[in-house]
Amino acid sequence: MTKEDFIHSFDPNGPGIAGNLFGLPFSPDSAELVLVPVPWEVTVSYRAGTANGPQAILNASSQVDLFQKDIPDAWKLGTSMLPIANNIHEESKKLRTHAAQHIRAVESDKPVDVTDPLLTSINEACENLNIYVKSTTQRWLKEGKLVGVLGGDHSTPLGFLRALSERYDRFGVLQIDAHADLRKAYEGFTYSHASIMYNALKIPAVGRLVQVGIRDLCQEEMEVIQRSMGRVVTFFDDDLKAWGYQGNTWDEICEEIIKPLPDLVYISFDIDGLDPSLSPSTGTPVPGGLSFPQIAYLLRKLVLANKKIIGFDLCEVAPGSTDWDASVGARVLWQLCNWMAVSNKKLSYVPE
């Protein structure tokens, strides 16, 4: 069946198709936007659970109503997720046990031995994951699809950024996060979740990194920001709050956030960038953060400023004792998919 056949036969007001992302009838081949799930959390340094994020979001997505009043045909885009790779999840669990052993040693004040075979094997496995993510995202990009990555911890999208760097000479990264993620090889892990933006900045095509909601960082990270000569622009959460208290509207603040970004933008969304009441089970929740309406408005403002979203990731969603975290994650994902499609002229924005 063609995409048009699926659209014609599907009732968007019904319960949806069990097991499909958002209950939609599309396969990766018939979809316009393909999500690559990466159930990986080897280097998490506090609470685990993010490797279960893709499955939890998939399950919760069936409860997302498909009508978005400013993008009324959103569901017709065609969005689908690849099957979750159980072998990656199993390897993550095995290596997570070894990584936890290493982390306990580091936290007991044992110096990091970069020649330790255990640490070397973990770093090699993480690089193999980067290769997998790069090759998988490249395949779907070559098919002409819009592509997103669904983590897993925040280390998972590095391969995707590498793939995009071979398609675009220069682009910016908009990072929504509680943490700066600019640590160098945190705890000895070259591809730590706490080092994703440090590693992203090694990619020459990443011309600008704009960070939003940052409220937990170390001196080393602050020095990276200060030495970047404007390549890294950080909007700290306390500054965003202060500007609001002083009478600046969120619309005005969004304009300042968007201003440093180039025309091509990759969005890296760590769910802990939100207020922790929205994601209490994430690995490292931090007080403060953004509300869901603020995020939705920022994405709309970004696209209406004629920025083209070339890719995105959503990471660090960890299901807790309820479906709440996954439910919020699924709705953030719906917004990311729809606004990416509008920015690529695949869907139309209808002003209210």
Foldseek 3Di string as FASTA:
>chain_A
DALVVQVVPDDLVDQACPQWQLSGPAELVRAQEEEEEQLAAQFQQFDDFFSCQVVLLRRLSSVDRDADPQFGCLSSRGYTYDDDDVVRNVVRVVNSVLNVVLSVCVVVVNDDDLPPPNLVVQLVVLVVLLVVLLVVLLVSVVVNHQYEYEDDAQLRCLSVLVNVVVVAVAFEEEEQAQALLCDQCVSVRRSHSSNNVVSSVVRNRHQAYEYEQHDDYDPVSVVCQVPVVHRYHYDHQVNVVVCVVVPDDLLVVLCVSLVVGDQEYEYEYEPLQAACVQQVNFRDHDHGHHHPVSLLVSLVSNLVVLRAYRYYYYGRRGDDPDSRSSNSSSVSVSSVSSSNCCSVVSTPGHDD
